[in-house]
Amino acid sequence: MKTKPYIILLALIGSFFTVSAQDFDKNLASARSAYSAGNLGDARFAMEQMLNDLDAAIGKEILKLLPAQVGSLKINTKEDRVTGSSAGYTTGLYVHREYNQDLRKAELEIINNSPLMNSIGAILNSPMAGMMRDENQKTIKVQGYKSLLTKHVDSDTGKTDYELQIPMNNTLLTIKANDSNEGEITAYANAIPLAKIAQIAQ
């Protein structure tokens, strides 16, 4: 794709996200200026910043879709995090939200282009996926999405934590819940509009 049409396309997309419009416009102007001057390196950098701004704006829209409560756990907005880079792993959308009640907690992460996608996909798409030898791992379907459920038992406390990883196109949604069970974490996942998130995040 040529650089100039790409800048125009991003400008059109950016008009839908007023949250970071000021930063977006600033980076757009920088990209145009650098491109006009033939400085493609600076133009690329400015465009990358624009994409980060877009990812952050998309992340805030995703937060609006998430429920205020999952099971008996209530939202903790103080721990909300949205960035245009996924916590140092790779460039892309990153969303984090927590729900808690007393010492019980559920954490939700949404990451675009997660480095875990390939390994999880290999497990889920293996012909032996339904006959896993690891008794602490199993494949389940959540709202039509094939997912990987992992159980972690604390040998000291006897409590069980669960992790549910749901690949959706190029987006990985992960839910971690302490002192929980399979029914609870599955219910948490079913309270989340996965299809809408997948559509917005891609």
Protein backbone atom coordinates (compact mmCIF):
# COMPACT_ATOMS: atom_id res chain seq x y z
CA MET A 1 0.00 0.00 0.00
CA LYS A 2 1.34 3.45 -0.88
CA THR A 3 2.08 5.79 1.98
CA LYS A 4 -0.09 8.74 0.94
CA PRO A 5 -3.39 6.82 0.54
CA TYR A 6 -2.61 5.07 3.84
CA ILE A 7 -2.35 8.43 5.62
CA ILE A 8 -5.68 9.53 4.13
CA LEU A 9 -7.32 6.26 5.22
CA LEU A 10 -6.08 6.67 8.78
CA ALA A 11 -7.35 10.24 8.83
CA LEU A 12 -10.83 9.05 7.91
CA ILE A 13 -10.74 6.34 10.59
CA GLY A 14 -9.49 8.84 13.14
CA SER A 15 -12.52 11.06 12.63
CA PHE A 16 -14.58 8.44 14.47
CA PHE A 17 -12.43 8.57 17.59
CA THR A 18 -12.67 11.97 19.24
CA VAL A 19 -11.09 10.76 22.48
CA SER A 20 -7.54 11.13 21.15
CA ALA A 21 -8.29 13.47 18.25
CA GLN A 22 -5.72 16.06 19.30
CA ASP A 23 -2.82 13.59 19.38
CA PHE A 24 -4.07 11.93 16.21
CA ASP A 25 -4.19 15.25 14.32
CA LYS A 26 -0.72 16.16 15.58
CA ASN A 27 0.76 12.88 14.37
CA LEU A 28 -1.14 13.12 11.10
CA ALA A 29 0.36 16.56 10.46
CA SER A 30 3.82 15.23 11.30
CA ALA A 31 3.37 12.27 8.95
CA ARG A 32 2.22 14.51 6.10
CA SER A 33 5.07 16.95 6.66
CA ALA A 34 7.71 14.21 6.81
CA TYR A 35 6.28 12.47 3.75
CA SER A 36 6.22 15.71 1.75
CA ALA A 37 9.85 16.31 2.70
CA GLY A 38 10.77 12.81 1.55
CA ASN A 39 11.66 11.70 5.09
CA LEU A 40 9.96 8.31 5.02
CA GLY A 41 11.50 7.18 8.31
CA ASP A 42 9.90 10.02 10.26
CA ALA A 43 6.67 9.57 8.30
CA ARG A 44 6.56 5.89 9.29
CA PHE A 45 7.20 6.76 12.95
CA ALA A 46 4.39 9.33 12.98
CA MET A 47 2.03 6.82 11.36
CA GLU A 48 2.93 4.23 14.00
CA GLN A 49 2.06 6.78 16.68
CA MET A 50 -1.27 7.35 14.91
CA LEU A 51 -1.98 3.62 15.00
CA ASN A 52 -1.17 3.55 18.72
CA ASP A 53 -3.64 6.41 19.25
CA LEU A 54 -6.28 4.46 17.32
CA ASP A 55 -5.65 1.30 19.34
CA ALA A 56 -5.98 3.24 22.59
CA ALA A 57 -9.26 4.79 21.40
CA ILE A 58 -10.57 1.37 20.34
CA GLY A 59 -9.57 0.01 23.75
CA LYS A 60 -11.68 2.64 25.49
CA GLU A 61 -14.65 1.68 23.31
CA ILE A 62 -14.14 -1.96 24.30
CA LEU A 63 -14.14 -1.04 28.00
CA LYS A 64 -17.61 0.44 27.48
CA LEU A 65 -18.83 -2.96 26.23
CA LEU A 66 -17.66 -4.86 29.29
CA PRO A 67 -20.17 -5.66 32.06
CA ALA A 68 -20.14 -3.83 35.39
CA GLN A 69 -20.24 -7.17 37.19
CA VAL A 70 -19.37 -10.81 36.48
CA GLY A 71 -20.99 -13.27 38.84
CA SER A 72 -20.62 -11.79 42.32
CA LEU A 73 -17.49 -9.86 41.36
CA LYS A 74 -17.82 -6.13 40.80
CA ILE A 75 -15.90 -3.86 38.48
CA ASN A 76 -12.74 -2.14 39.72
CA THR A 77 -12.24 0.74 37.29
CA LYS A 78 -9.15 1.94 39.17
CA GLU A 79 -7.26 -0.94 37.56
CA ASP A 80 -8.46 -0.21 34.00
CA ARG A 81 -5.57 0.05 31.55
CA VAL A 82 -5.70 0.78 27.84
CA THR A 83 -2.67 1.30 25.62
CA GLY A 84 -1.66 1.15 21.99
CA SER A 85 1.08 -1.35 22.82
CA SER A 86 0.43 -4.60 24.62
CA ALA A 87 2.40 -4.31 27.85
CA GLY A 88 5.78 -4.51 26.16
CA TYR A 89 5.05 -7.69 24.20
CA THR A 90 4.24 -6.23 20.81
CA THR A 91 2.68 -3.22 19.18
CA GLY A 92 -1.11 -3.30 19.19
CA LEU A 93 -4.24 -3.04 21.24
CA TYR A 94 -4.04 -3.84 24.96
CA VAL A 95 -6.98 -3.70 27.39
CA HIS A 96 -6.98 -4.70 31.06
CA ARG A 97 -9.89 -4.79 33.51
CA GLU A 98 -10.39 -6.31 36.95
CA TYR A 99 -13.40 -7.47 38.95
CA ASN A 100 -13.23 -8.35 42.63
CA GLN A 101 -15.04 -9.10 45.86
CA ASP A 102 -12.98 -9.32 49.04
CA LEU A 103 -10.01 -11.56 48.16
CA ARG A 104 -11.58 -13.06 45.05
CA LYS A 105 -10.61 -11.52 41.74
CA ALA A 106 -11.05 -11.94 38.00
CA GLU A 107 -8.70 -10.27 35.53
CA LEU A 108 -9.50 -9.68 31.88
CA GLU A 109 -6.91 -8.94 29.20
CA ILE A 110 -7.44 -8.30 25.51
CA ILE A 111 -4.34 -8.26 23.32
CA ASN A 112 -4.00 -7.90 19.57
CA ASN A 113 -1.29 -9.97 17.87
CA SER A 114 -0.36 -11.70 21.12
CA PRO A 115 2.80 -13.84 20.89
CA LEU A 116 0.76 -16.62 22.54
CA MET A 117 -1.68 -16.90 19.62
CA ASN A 118 0.40 -19.42 17.66
CA SER A 119 1.01 -21.78 20.58
CA ILE A 120 -2.62 -21.66 21.73
CA GLY A 121 -3.83 -22.15 18.17
CA ALA A 122 -1.56 -25.18 17.79
CA ILE A 123 -3.09 -26.76 20.90
CA LEU A 124 -6.69 -25.97 19.97
CA ASN A 125 -6.32 -27.11 16.35
CA SER A 126 -4.44 -30.30 17.13
CA PRO A 127 -6.32 -33.52 16.20
CA MET A 128 -5.59 -34.64 19.77
CA ALA A 129 -7.03 -31.48 21.34
CA GLY A 130 -10.02 -33.35 22.73
CA MET A 131 -7.77 -36.02 24.24
CA MET A 132 -5.26 -33.85 26.11
CA ARG A 133 -2.99 -35.70 28.48
CA ASP A 134 -2.66 -32.73 30.81
CA GLU A 135 -5.51 -33.21 33.27
CA ASN A 136 -5.35 -29.51 34.13
CA GLN A 137 -6.07 -28.37 30.56
CA LYS A 138 -9.08 -28.80 28.33
CA THR A 139 -10.68 -27.25 25.27
CA ILE A 140 -14.15 -25.76 25.54
CA LYS A 141 -16.34 -23.54 23.38
CA VAL A 142 -17.48 -20.14 24.58
CA GLN A 143 -20.04 -18.35 22.40
CA GLY A 144 -18.83 -20.45 19.48
CA TYR A 145 -15.13 -19.69 20.02
CA LYS A 146 -12.83 -22.65 20.68
CA SER A 147 -10.99 -21.84 23.91
CA LEU A 148 -8.29 -23.22 26.19
CA LEU A 149 -9.14 -23.68 29.87
CA THR A 150 -6.30 -24.24 32.33
CA LYS A 151 -6.63 -25.15 36.01
CA HIS A 152 -3.97 -24.25 38.59
CA VAL A 153 -4.21 -25.88 42.03
CA ASP A 154 -2.29 -24.29 44.90
CA SER A 155 -0.80 -27.20 46.83
CA ASP A 156 -0.42 -25.06 49.96
CA THR A 157 -3.91 -23.57 50.20
CA GLY A 158 -5.82 -26.17 48.19
CA LYS A 159 -7.54 -23.37 46.28
CA THR A 160 -8.00 -23.56 42.53
CA ASP A 161 -7.34 -20.78 40.03
CA TYR A 162 -8.50 -20.87 36.42
CA GLU A 163 -7.30 -19.27 33.21
CA LEU A 164 -9.45 -19.13 30.07
CA GLN A 165 -7.82 -18.11 26.78
CA ILE A 166 -10.12 -17.26 23.87
CA PRO A 167 -8.53 -16.55 20.46
CA MET A 168 -10.74 -14.38 18.24
CA ASN A 169 -9.25 -13.70 14.80
CA ASN A 170 -6.00 -11.87 15.65
CA THR A 171 -7.13 -10.97 19.18
CA LEU A 172 -6.54 -12.99 22.35
CA LEU A 173 -8.95 -12.53 25.26
CA THR A 174 -7.76 -14.00 28.56
CA ILE A 175 -9.66 -14.30 31.82
CA LYS A 176 -7.91 -15.28 35.05
CA ALA A 177 -9.91 -16.04 38.18
CA ASN A 178 -8.58 -17.03 41.59
CA ASP A 179 -10.37 -19.37 44.01
CA SER A 180 -12.85 -20.27 41.29
CA ASN A 181 -14.26 -23.19 39.32
CA GLU A 182 -14.96 -24.06 35.70
CA GLY A 183 -18.62 -23.06 35.86
CA GLU A 184 -17.81 -19.63 37.28
CA ILE A 185 -15.09 -18.65 34.83
CA THR A 186 -17.21 -19.87 31.92
CA ALA A 187 -20.09 -17.73 33.19
CA TYR A 188 -17.74 -14.74 33.40
CA ALA A 189 -16.77 -15.26 29.76
CA ASN A 190 -20.39 -15.62 28.67
CA ALA A 191 -21.18 -12.23 30.23
CA ILE A 192 -18.77 -10.58 27.78
CA PRO A 193 -19.92 -9.67 24.22
CA LEU A 194 -17.12 -11.57 22.48
CA ALA A 195 -18.33 -11.13 18.91
CA LYS A 196 -18.65 -7.35 19.30
CA ILE A 197 -15.20 -7.10 20.84
CA ALA A 198 -13.69 -9.24 18.08
CA GLN A 199 -15.29 -7.01 15.45
CA ILE A 200 -14.03 -3.78 17.01
CA ALA A 201 -10.56 -5.08 17.89
CA GLN A 202 -9.59 -6.60 14.54
